[in-house]
PDB file of N, CA and C in Angstrom:
ATOM      1  N   MET A   1       0.691  -1.353  -0.029  1.00  0.00           N
ATOM      2  CA  MET A   1       0.101  -0.134   0.069  1.00  0.00           C
ATOM      3  C   MET A   1       0.986   1.187   0.051  1.00  0.00           C
ATOM      4  N   ALA A   2       1.925   1.289   0.693  1.00  0.00           N
ATOM      5  CA  ALA A   2       2.914   2.294   0.829  1.00  0.00           C
ATOM      6  C   ALA A   2       3.424   2.669  -0.666  1.00  0.00           C
ATOM      7  N   LYS A   3       3.862   1.523  -1.263  1.00  0.00           N
ATOM      8  CA  LYS A   3       4.409   1.737  -2.610  1.00  0.00           C
ATOM      9  C   LYS A   3       3.452   2.449  -3.591  1.00  0.00           C
ATOM     10  N   GLU A   4       2.209   1.994  -3.549  1.00  0.00           N
ATOM     11  CA  GLU A   4       1.065   2.482  -4.508  1.00  0.00           C
ATOM     12  C   GLU A   4       0.966   3.811  -4.123  1.00  0.00           C
ATOM     13  N   SER A   5       0.913   4.219  -2.734  1.00  0.00           N
ATOM     14  CA  SER A   5       0.741   5.632  -2.394  1.00  0.00           C
ATOM     15  C   SER A   5       1.796   6.560  -2.933  1.00  0.00           C
ATOM     16  N   ALA A   6       3.046   5.986  -2.733  1.00  0.00           N
ATOM     17  CA  ALA A   6       4.238   6.825  -3.307  1.00  0.00           C
ATOM     18  C   ALA A   6       3.990   7.012  -4.857  1.00  0.00           C
ATOM     19  N   ALA A   7       3.656   5.903  -5.580  1.00  0.00           N
ATOM     20  CA  ALA A   7       3.481   5.893  -6.884  1.00  0.00           C
ATOM     21  C   ALA A   7       2.380   7.013  -7.171  1.00  0.00           C
ATOM     22  N   GLY A   8       1.520   7.139  -6.363  1.00  0.00           N
ATOM     23  CA  GLY A   8       0.324   8.150  -6.681  1.00  0.00           C
ATOM     24  C   GLY A   8       0.627   9.575  -6.202  1.00  0.00           C
ATOM     25  N   GLY A   9       1.807   9.679  -5.737  1.00  0.00           N
ATOM     26  CA  GLY A   9       2.248  11.086  -5.463  1.00  0.00           C
ATOM     27  C   GLY A   9       2.147  11.355  -4.019  1.00  0.00           C
ATOM     28  N   ALA A  10       1.877  10.520  -3.134  1.00  0.00           N
ATOM     29  CA  ALA A  10       1.914  10.863  -1.649  1.00  0.00           C
ATOM     30  C   ALA A  10       3.247  11.012  -1.062  1.00  0.00           C
ATOM     31  N   GLY A  11       3.517  11.991  -0.201  1.00  0.00           N
ATOM     32  CA  GLY A  11       4.712  12.121   0.375  1.00  0.00           C
ATOM     33  C   GLY A  11       4.911  11.226   1.449  1.00  0.00           C
ATOM     34  N   VAL A  12       6.170  11.240   2.039  1.00  0.00           N
ATOM     35  CA  VAL A  12       6.581  10.355   3.063  1.00  0.00           C
ATOM     36  C   VAL A  12       5.811  10.486   4.407  1.00  0.00           C
ATOM     37  N   TRP A  13       5.566  11.774   4.749  1.00  0.00           N
ATOM     38  CA  TRP A  13       4.816  12.094   6.011  1.00  0.00           C
ATOM     39  C   TRP A  13       3.287  11.659   5.759  1.00  0.00           C
ATOM     40  N   ARG A  14       2.703  11.935   4.520  1.00  0.00           N
ATOM     41  CA  ARG A  14       1.393  11.416   4.382  1.00  0.00           C
ATOM     42  C   ARG A  14       1.147   9.793   4.329  1.00  0.00           C
ATOM     43  N   ILE A  15       2.097   9.166   3.770  1.00  0.00           N
ATOM     44  CA  ILE A  15       2.197   7.741   3.858  1.00  0.00           C
ATOM     45  C   ILE A  15       2.354   7.242   5.144  1.00  0.00           C
ATOM     46  N   PHE A  16       3.251   7.902   6.015  1.00  0.00           N
ATOM     47  CA  PHE A  16       3.311   7.453   7.469  1.00  0.00           C
ATOM     48  C   PHE A  16       2.118   7.655   8.201  1.00  0.00           C
ATOM     49  N   THR A  17       1.459   8.831   8.045  1.00  0.00           N
ATOM     50  CA  THR A  17       0.365   9.157   9.049  1.00  0.00           C
ATOM     51  C   THR A  17      -0.974   8.451   8.652  1.00  0.00           C
ATOM     52  N   LEU A  18      -1.131   8.165   7.048  1.00  0.00           N
ATOM     53  CA  LEU A  18      -2.373   7.731   6.736  1.00  0.00           C
ATOM     54  C   LEU A  18      -2.381   6.069   6.574  1.00  0.00           C
ATOM     55  N   ILE A  19      -1.115   5.717   6.435  1.00  0.00           N
ATOM     56  CA  ILE A  19      -1.114   4.274   6.077  1.00  0.00           C
ATOM     57  C   ILE A  19      -0.444   3.399   7.175  1.00  0.00           C
ATOM     58  N   ILE A  20       0.960   3.787   7.423  1.00  0.00           N
ATOM     59  CA  ILE A  20       1.748   3.015   8.542  1.00  0.00           C
ATOM     60  C   ILE A  20       1.121   3.139   9.847  1.00  0.00           C
ATOM     61  N   VAL A  21       0.729   4.340  10.361  1.00  0.00           N
ATOM     62  CA  VAL A  21       0.449   4.387  11.655  1.00  0.00           C
ATOM     63  C   VAL A  21      -0.891   3.589  12.031  1.00  0.00           C
ATOM     64  N   PRO A  22      -1.994   3.832  11.087  1.00  0.00           N
ATOM     65  CA  PRO A  22      -3.291   3.202  11.461  1.00  0.00           C
ATOM     66  C   PRO A  22      -3.156   1.558  11.321  1.00  0.00           C
ATOM     67  N   MET A  23      -2.052   1.137  10.346  1.00  0.00           N
ATOM     68  CA  MET A  23      -2.035  -0.287  10.254  1.00  0.00           C
ATOM     69  C   MET A  23      -1.239  -0.873  11.474  1.00  0.00           C
ATOM     70  N   SER A  24      -0.355  -0.111  12.160  1.00  0.00           N
ATOM     71  CA  SER A  24       0.287  -0.580  13.424  1.00  0.00           C
ATOM     72  C   SER A  24      -0.384  -0.062  14.713  1.00  0.00           C
ATOM     73  N   ARG A  25      -1.643   0.547  14.746  1.00  0.00           N
ATOM     74  CA  ARG A  25      -2.143   0.911  15.894  1.00  0.00           C
ATOM     75  C   ARG A  25      -2.338  -0.091  16.905  1.00  0.00           C
ATOM     76  N   ASN A  26      -2.976  -1.354  16.514  1.00  0.00           N
ATOM     77  CA  ASN A  26      -3.043  -2.247  17.473  1.00  0.00           C
ATOM     78  C   ASN A  26      -1.798  -2.572  18.289  1.00  0.00           C
ATOM     79  N   GLY A  27      -0.738  -2.797  17.568  1.00  0.00           N
ATOM     80  CA  GLY A  27       0.480  -3.094  18.248  1.00  0.00           C
ATOM     81  C   GLY A  27       1.081  -2.011  19.133  1.00  0.00           C
ATOM     82  N   ILE A  28       0.873  -0.815  18.669  1.00  0.00           N
ATOM     83  CA  ILE A  28       1.226   0.409  19.478  1.00  0.00           C
ATOM     84  C   ILE A  28       0.505   0.353  20.936  1.00  0.00           C
ATOM     85  N   VAL A  29      -0.923   0.253  20.673  1.00  0.00           N
ATOM     86  CA  VAL A  29      -1.725   0.280  21.981  1.00  0.00           C
ATOM     87  C   VAL A  29      -1.437  -0.905  22.856  1.00  0.00           C
ATOM     88  N   THR A  30      -1.161  -2.041  22.226  1.00  0.00           N
ATOM     89  CA  THR A  30      -0.736  -3.248  23.188  1.00  0.00           C
ATOM     90  C   THR A  30       0.501  -3.032  24.009  1.00  0.00           C
ATOM     91  N   ILE A  31       1.477  -2.476  23.386  1.00  0.00           N
ATOM     92  CA  ILE A  31       2.770  -2.108  23.991  1.00  0.00           C
ATOM     93  C   ILE A  31       2.509  -1.041  24.926  1.00  0.00           C
ATOM     94  N   LEU A  32       1.712   0.024  24.717  1.00  0.00           N
ATOM     95  CA  LEU A  32       1.592   1.003  25.641  1.00  0.00           C
ATOM     96  C   LEU A  32       0.723   0.441  26.868  1.00  0.00           C
ATOM     97  N   ILE A  33      -0.320  -0.352  26.772  1.00  0.00           N
ATOM     98  CA  ILE A  33      -1.074  -0.868  27.850  1.00  0.00           C
ATOM     99  C   ILE A  33      -0.222  -1.799  28.743  1.00  0.00           C
ATOM    100  N   LEU A  34       0.509  -2.687  28.173  1.00  0.00           N
ATOM    101  CA  LEU A  34       1.448  -3.711  28.846  1.00  0.00           C
ATOM    102  C   LEU A  34       2.480  -2.916  29.665  1.00  0.00           C
ATOM    103  N   SER A  35       3.102  -1.887  29.053  1.00  0.00           N
ATOM    104  CA  SER A  35       3.968  -1.041  29.838  1.00  0.00           C
ATOM    105  C   SER A  35       3.249  -0.219  30.848  1.00  0.00           C
ATOM    106  N   PHE A  36       2.225   0.279  30.698  1.00  0.00           N
ATOM    107  CA  PHE A  36       1.620   1.093  31.680  1.00  0.00           C
ATOM    108  C   PHE A  36       1.274   0.185  32.861  1.00  0.00           C
ATOM    109  N   VAL A  37       0.724  -1.026  32.712  1.00  0.00           N
ATOM    110  CA  VAL A  37       0.374  -1.981  33.784  1.00  0.00           C
ATOM    111  C   VAL A  37       1.576  -2.345  34.421  1.00  0.00           C
ATOM    112  N   SER A  38       2.769  -2.784  33.767  1.00  0.00           N
ATOM    113  CA  SER A  38       3.954  -3.095  34.452  1.00  0.00           C
ATOM    114  C   SER A  38       4.374  -2.152  35.354  1.00  0.00           C
ATOM    115  N   ILE A  39       4.429  -0.888  34.923  1.00  0.00           N
ATOM    116  CA  ILE A  39       4.957   0.363  35.624  1.00  0.00           C
ATOM    117  C   ILE A  39       3.999   0.510  36.843  1.00  0.00           C
ATOM    118  N   TRP A  40       2.729   0.510  36.475  1.00  0.00           N
ATOM    119  CA  TRP A  40       1.784   0.672  37.634  1.00  0.00           C
ATOM    120  C   TRP A  40       1.890  -0.167  38.783  1.00  0.00           C
ATOM    121  N   ASN A  41       2.075  -1.497  38.439  1.00  0.00           N
ATOM    122  CA  ASN A  41       2.227  -2.583  39.369  1.00  0.00           C
ATOM    123  C   ASN A  41       3.699  -2.778  40.087  1.00  0.00           C
ATOM    124  N   ASP A  42       4.586  -1.865  39.662  1.00  0.00           N
ATOM    125  CA  ASP A  42       6.069  -2.016  40.016  1.00  0.00           C
ATOM    126  C   ASP A  42       6.008  -1.764  41.545  1.00  0.00           C
ATOM    127  N   TYR A  43       6.097  -2.913  42.392  1.00  0.00           N
ATOM    128  CA  TYR A  43       6.244  -2.746  43.803  1.00  0.00           C
ATOM    129  C   TYR A  43       7.625  -2.866  44.371  1.00  0.00           C
ATOM    130  N   ILE A  44       8.489  -3.538  43.929  1.00  0.00           N
ATOM    131  CA  ILE A  44       9.693  -3.910  44.467  1.00  0.00           C
ATOM    132  C   ILE A  44      10.658  -2.521  44.538  1.00  0.00           C
ATOM    133  N   TYR A  45      10.568  -1.869  43.318  1.00  0.00           N
ATOM    134  CA  TYR A  45      11.367  -0.668  43.056  1.00  0.00           C
ATOM    135  C   TYR A  45      10.811   0.452  44.049  1.00  0.00           C
ATOM    136  N   ALA A  46       9.565   0.604  44.170  1.00  0.00           N
ATOM    137  CA  ALA A  46       9.052   1.511  45.022  1.00  0.00           C
ATOM    138  C   ALA A  46       9.290   1.289  46.447  1.00  0.00           C
ATOM    139  N   LEU A  47       9.353   0.089  46.810  1.00  0.00           N
ATOM    140  CA  LEU A  47       9.559  -0.374  48.199  1.00  0.00           C
ATOM    141  C   LEU A  47      10.880  -0.107  48.507  1.00  0.00           C
ATOM    142  N   ALA A  48      11.851  -0.221  47.657  1.00  0.00           N
ATOM    143  CA  ALA A  48      13.254   0.041  47.850  1.00  0.00           C
ATOM    144  C   ALA A  48      13.686   1.430  47.841  1.00  0.00           C
ATOM    145  N   PHE A  49      13.145   2.205  46.983  1.00  0.00           N
ATOM    146  CA  PHE A  49      13.580   3.671  46.727  1.00  0.00           C
ATOM    147  C   PHE A  49      12.635   4.714  47.531  1.00  0.00           C
ATOM    148  N   LEU A  50      11.380   4.240  47.918  1.00  0.00           N
ATOM    149  CA  LEU A  50      10.592   5.132  48.579  1.00  0.00           C
ATOM    150  C   LEU A  50      10.257   4.714  50.046  1.00  0.00           C
ATOM    151  N   PRO A  51      11.005   4.703  50.967  1.00  0.00           N
ATOM    152  CA  PRO A  51      10.747   4.209  52.340  1.00  0.00           C
ATOM    153  C   PRO A  51       9.921   5.103  53.133  1.00  0.00           C
ATOM    154  N   GLN A  52       9.704   6.426  52.830  1.00  0.00           N
ATOM    155  CA  GLN A  52       8.923   7.329  53.582  1.00  0.00           C
ATOM    156  C   GLN A  52       7.398   7.069  53.273  1.00  0.00           C
ATOM    157  N   PRO A  53       6.661   7.146  54.313  1.00  0.00           N
ATOM    158  CA  PRO A  53       5.162   6.754  54.216  1.00  0.00           C
ATOM    159  C   PRO A  53       4.452   7.839  53.198  1.00  0.00           C
ATOM    160  N   GLU A  54       4.918   9.080  53.367  1.00  0.00           N
ATOM    161  CA  GLU A  54       4.058   9.980  52.546  1.00  0.00           C
ATOM    162  C   GLU A  54       4.470  10.091  51.131  1.00  0.00           C
ATOM    163  N   ARG A  55       5.440   9.249  50.698  1.00  0.00           N
ATOM    164  CA  ARG A  55       5.652   9.027  49.370  1.00  0.00           C
ATOM    165  C   ARG A  55       5.453   7.715  48.784  1.00  0.00           C
ATOM    166  N   GLN A  56       4.676   6.907  49.542  1.00  0.00           N
ATOM    167  CA  GLN A  56       4.324   5.532  48.890  1.00  0.00           C
ATOM    168  C   GLN A  56       3.504   5.659  47.783  1.00  0.00           C
ATOM    169  N   THR A  57       3.482   4.539  46.945  1.00  0.00           N
ATOM    170  CA  THR A  57       2.740   4.392  45.829  1.00  0.00           C
ATOM    171  C   THR A  57       1.347   3.837  46.273  1.00  0.00           C
ATOM    172  N   LEU A  58       0.579   3.654  45.507  1.00  0.00           N
ATOM    173  CA  LEU A  58      -0.884   3.104  45.718  1.00  0.00           C
ATOM    174  C   LEU A  58      -0.574   1.548  46.135  1.00  0.00           C
ATOM    175  N   THR A  59       0.145   0.860  45.380  1.00  0.00           N
ATOM    176  CA  THR A  59       0.229  -0.426  45.597  1.00  0.00           C
ATOM    177  C   THR A  59       1.046  -0.759  47.062  1.00  0.00           C
ATOM    178  N   MET A  60       2.053   0.037  47.283  1.00  0.00           N
ATOM    179  CA  MET A  60       2.723   0.026  48.581  1.00  0.00           C
ATOM    180  C   MET A  60       1.660   0.364  49.813  1.00  0.00           C
ATOM    181  N   ALA A  61       0.757   1.124  49.667  1.00  0.00           N
ATOM    182  CA  ALA A  61      -0.284   1.607  50.610  1.00  0.00           C
ATOM    183  C   ALA A  61      -1.121   0.382  50.642  1.00  0.00           C
ATOM    184  N   LEU A  62      -1.388  -0.312  49.692  1.00  0.00           N
ATOM    185  CA  LEU A  62      -2.301  -1.558  49.812  1.00  0.00           C
ATOM    186  C   LEU A  62      -1.681  -2.435  50.528  1.00  0.00           C
ATOM    187  N   ALA A  63      -0.605  -2.835  50.288  1.00  0.00           N
ATOM    188  CA  ALA A  63       0.343  -3.775  51.122  1.00  0.00           C
ATOM    189  C   ALA A  63       0.423  -3.460  52.582  1.00  0.00           C
ATOM    190  N   SER A  64       0.609  -2.128  52.771  1.00  0.00           N
ATOM    191  CA  SER A  64       0.809  -1.757  54.184  1.00  0.00           C
ATOM    192  C   SER A  64      -0.467  -1.585  54.949  1.00  0.00           C
ATOM    193  N   ALA A  65      -1.629  -1.558  54.211  1.00  0.00           N
ATOM    194  CA  ALA A  65      -2.939  -1.375  54.884  1.00  0.00           C
ATOM    195  C   ALA A  65      -3.368  -2.482  55.868  1.00  0.00           C
ATOM    196  N   ARG A  66      -2.620  -3.755  55.629  1.00  0.00           N
ATOM    197  CA  ARG A  66      -3.101  -4.857  56.605  1.00  0.00           C
ATOM    198  C   ARG A  66      -2.596  -4.672  57.976  1.00  0.00           C
ATOM    199  N   ALA A  67      -3.428  -5.014  58.900  1.00  0.00           N
ATOM    200  CA  ALA A  67      -3.088  -5.079  60.266  1.00  0.00           C
ATOM    201  C   ALA A  67      -2.209  -6.150  60.700  1.00  0.00           C
ATOM    202  N   GLU A  68      -1.577  -6.350  61.867  1.00  0.00           N
ATOM    203  CA  GLU A  68      -0.761  -7.466  62.191  1.00  0.00           C
ATOM    204  C   GLU A  68      -1.514  -8.735  62.162  1.00  0.00           C
ATOM    205  N   TYR A  69      -2.658  -8.700  62.822  1.00  0.00           N
ATOM    206  CA  TYR A  69      -3.470  -9.965  63.119  1.00  0.00           C
ATOM    207  C   TYR A  69      -4.821  -9.931  62.366  1.00  0.00           C
ATOM    208  N   ALA A  70      -5.261  -8.747  61.758  1.00  0.00           N
ATOM    209  CA  ALA A  70      -6.650  -8.591  61.009  1.00  0.00           C
ATOM    210  C   ALA A  70      -6.371  -7.944  59.814  1.00  0.00           C
ATOM    211  N   VAL A  71      -7.391  -8.296  58.862  1.00  0.00           N
ATOM    212  CA  VAL A  71      -7.197  -7.715  57.425  1.00  0.00           C
ATOM    213  C   VAL A  71      -8.696  -7.098  57.353  1.00  0.00           C
ATOM    214  N   SER A  72      -8.755  -5.946  56.837  1.00  0.00           N
ATOM    215  CA  SER A  72     -10.006  -5.332  56.691  1.00  0.00           C
ATOM    216  C   SER A  72     -10.213  -5.642  55.015  1.00  0.00           C
ATOM    217  N   TYR A  73     -10.977  -6.731  54.686  1.00  0.00           N
ATOM    218  CA  TYR A  73     -11.136  -7.007  53.309  1.00  0.00           C
ATOM    219  C   TYR A  73     -11.882  -5.908  52.518  1.00  0.00           C
ATOM    220  N   GLY A  74     -12.907  -5.275  53.214  1.00  0.00           N
ATOM    221  CA  GLY A  74     -13.626  -4.284  52.476  1.00  0.00           C
ATOM    222  C   GLY A  74     -12.842  -3.000  52.208  1.00  0.00           C
ATOM    223  N   LEU A  75     -11.985  -2.543  53.105  1.00  0.00           N
ATOM    224  CA  LEU A  75     -10.959  -1.666  52.773  1.00  0.00           C
ATOM    225  C   LEU A  75      -9.997  -1.931  51.720  1.00  0.00           C
ATOM    226  N   LEU A  76      -9.291  -3.140  51.719  1.00  0.00           N
ATOM    227  CA  LEU A  76      -8.610  -3.502  50.775  1.00  0.00           C
ATOM    228  C   LEU A  76      -9.185  -3.712  49.396  1.00  0.00           C
ATOM    229  N   SER A  77     -10.483  -4.167  49.369  1.00  0.00           N
ATOM    230  CA  SER A  77     -11.034  -4.380  48.191  1.00  0.00           C
ATOM    231  C   SER A  77     -11.417  -3.044  47.490  1.00  0.00           C
ATOM    232  N   ALA A  78     -11.827  -2.011  48.197  1.00  0.00           N
ATOM    233  CA  ALA A  78     -12.243  -0.793  47.669  1.00  0.00           C
ATOM    234  C   ALA A  78     -10.854  -0.045  47.227  1.00  0.00           C
ATOM    235  N   ALA A  79      -9.808  -0.091  47.933  1.00  0.00           N
ATOM    236  CA  ALA A  79      -8.574   0.452  47.356  1.00  0.00           C
ATOM    237  C   ALA A  79      -7.968  -0.360  46.193  1.00  0.00           C
ATOM    238  N   ALA A  80      -8.377  -1.614  45.903  1.00  0.00           N
ATOM    239  CA  ALA A  80      -7.688  -2.255  45.054  1.00  0.00           C
ATOM    240  C   ALA A  80      -8.753  -1.881  43.860  1.00  0.00           C
ATOM    241  N   ILE A  81     -10.009  -1.575  43.885  1.00  0.00           N
ATOM    242  CA  ILE A  81     -10.531  -1.227  42.786  1.00  0.00           C
ATOM    243  C   ILE A  81     -10.385   0.247  42.340  1.00  0.00           C
ATOM    244  N   MET A  82      -9.984   0.991  43.310  1.00  0.00           N
ATOM    245  CA  MET A  82      -9.471   2.514  42.979  1.00  0.00           C
ATOM    246  C   MET A  82      -8.056   2.372  42.231  1.00  0.00           C
ATOM    247  N   ALA A  83      -7.264   1.274  42.589  1.00  0.00           N
ATOM    248  CA  ALA A  83      -6.032   1.145  41.869  1.00  0.00           C
ATOM    249  C   ALA A  83      -6.062   0.743  40.517  1.00  0.00           C
ATOM    250  N   ILE A  84      -7.340   0.057  40.189  1.00  0.00           N
ATOM    251  CA  ILE A  84      -7.439  -0.555  38.862  1.00  0.00           C
ATOM    252  C   ILE A  84      -8.142   0.391  38.057  1.00  0.00           C
ATOM    253  N   VAL A  85      -8.953   1.340  38.492  1.00  0.00           N
ATOM    254  CA  VAL A  85      -9.658   2.335  37.634  1.00  0.00           C
ATOM    255  C   VAL A  85      -8.813   2.949  36.657  1.00  0.00           C
ATOM    256  N   PRO A  86      -7.772   3.699  37.027  1.00  0.00           N
ATOM    257  CA  PRO A  86      -6.997   4.336  36.046  1.00  0.00           C
ATOM    258  C   PRO A  86      -6.434   3.380  34.877  1.00  0.00           C
ATOM    259  N   VAL A  87      -6.312   2.210  35.028  1.00  0.00           N
ATOM    260  CA  VAL A  87      -5.900   1.273  33.939  1.00  0.00           C
ATOM    261  C   VAL A  87      -6.944   1.239  32.961  1.00  0.00           C
ATOM    262  N   PHE A  88      -8.212   1.105  33.370  1.00  0.00           N
ATOM    263  CA  PHE A  88      -9.364   0.895  32.649  1.00  0.00           C
ATOM    264  C   PHE A  88      -9.578   2.378  31.905  1.00  0.00           C
ATOM    265  N   VAL A  89      -9.338   3.459  32.644  1.00  0.00           N
ATOM    266  CA  VAL A  89      -9.786   4.757  32.111  1.00  0.00           C
ATOM    267  C   VAL A  89      -8.732   4.954  30.733  1.00  0.00           C
ATOM    268  N   PHE A  90      -7.426   4.659  31.065  1.00  0.00           N
ATOM    269  CA  PHE A  90      -6.448   5.064  30.143  1.00  0.00           C
ATOM    270  C   PHE A  90      -6.510   3.990  29.096  1.00  0.00           C
ATOM    271  N   SER A  91      -7.050   2.870  29.199  1.00  0.00           N
ATOM    272  CA  SER A  91      -6.944   1.930  28.022  1.00  0.00           C
ATOM    273  C   SER A  91      -8.472   1.824  27.247  1.00  0.00           C
ATOM    274  N   ALA A  92      -9.220   2.649  27.825  1.00  0.00           N
ATOM    275  CA  ALA A  92     -10.597   2.784  27.042  1.00  0.00           C
ATOM    276  C   ALA A  92     -10.361   3.295  25.615  1.00  0.00           C
ATOM    277  N   ARG A  93     -11.038   2.603  24.648  1.00  0.00           N
ATOM    278  CA  ARG A  93     -10.835   3.126  23.212  1.00  0.00           C
ATOM    279  C   ARG A  93     -11.593   4.430  23.053  1.00  0.00           C
ATOM    280  N   SER A  94     -10.847   5.402  22.250  1.00  0.00           N
ATOM    281  CA  SER A  94     -11.269   6.608  22.010  1.00  0.00           C
ATOM    282  C   SER A  94     -12.121   6.553  20.650  1.00  0.00           C
ATOM    283  N   PRO A  95     -13.214   7.354  20.480  1.00  0.00           N
ATOM    284  CA  PRO A  95     -14.150   7.102  19.496  1.00  0.00           C
ATOM    285  C   PRO A  95     -13.383   7.600  18.288  1.00  0.00           C
ATOM    286  N   THR A  96     -13.718   6.653  17.167  1.00  0.00           N
ATOM    287  CA  THR A  96     -13.171   6.731  15.824  1.00  0.00           C
ATOM    288  C   THR A  96     -13.708   8.050  15.182  1.00  0.00           C
ATOM    289  N   PRO A  97     -12.993   8.847  14.625  1.00  0.00           N
ATOM    290  CA  PRO A  97     -13.574   9.971  13.833  1.00  0.00           C
ATOM    291  C   PRO A  97     -14.299   9.512  12.524  1.00  0.00           C
ATOM    292  N   ALA A  98     -15.164  10.391  12.179  1.00  0.00           N
ATOM    293  CA  ALA A  98     -15.928   9.889  10.888  1.00  0.00           C
ATOM    294  C   ALA A  98     -15.242  10.248   9.612  1.00  0.00           C
ATOM    295  N   ASP A  99     -14.003  10.438   9.728  1.00  0.00           N
ATOM    296  CA  ASP A  99     -13.183  10.634   8.521  1.00  0.00           C
ATOM    297  C   ASP A  99     -13.193   9.493   7.532  1.00  0.00           C
ATOM    298  N   PRO A 100     -13.436   9.532   6.350  1.00  0.00           N
ATOM    299  CA  PRO A 100     -13.371   8.238   5.637  1.00  0.00           C
ATOM    300  C   PRO A 100     -11.988   7.747   5.308  1.00  0.00           C
ATOM    301  N   ALA A 101     -10.837   8.681   5.635  1.00  0.00           N
ATOM    302  CA  ALA A 101      -9.475   8.185   5.604  1.00  0.00           C
ATOM    303  C   ALA A 101      -9.071   7.248   6.763  1.00  0.00           C
ATOM    304  N   CYS A 102      -9.831   7.395   7.801  1.00  0.00           N
ATOM    305  CA  CYS A 102      -9.535   6.561   8.944  1.00  0.00           C
ATOM    306  C   CYS A 102     -10.142   5.212   8.777  1.00  0.00           C
ATOM    307  N   ALA A 103     -11.041   4.980   7.893  1.00  0.00           N
ATOM    308  CA  ALA A 103     -11.801   3.729   7.670  1.00  0.00           C
ATOM    309  C   ALA A 103     -10.832   2.663   7.234  1.00  0.00           C
TER     310      ALA A 103
END
């Protein structure tokens, strides 16, 4: 498709934005989501480099919310849901424009 577009007079930037990027969109989105989730759930580095309680990440706060002999499962469940919501918000599909070039 890129060669046909170049033969039709399309420039390099137009070929890249209208053909290459839309064809590789699924791979790019998959890499972004997996990278975001792995960074979001990174507990060991945060535990090692952020020992102060006021600088804890959300996963560190979830792990430290357990008491010594009792666990408040309601509190942990609510906090875990709050930790998962940004992943769903950022990974939600944006609406496709009604442009025929995007089809």
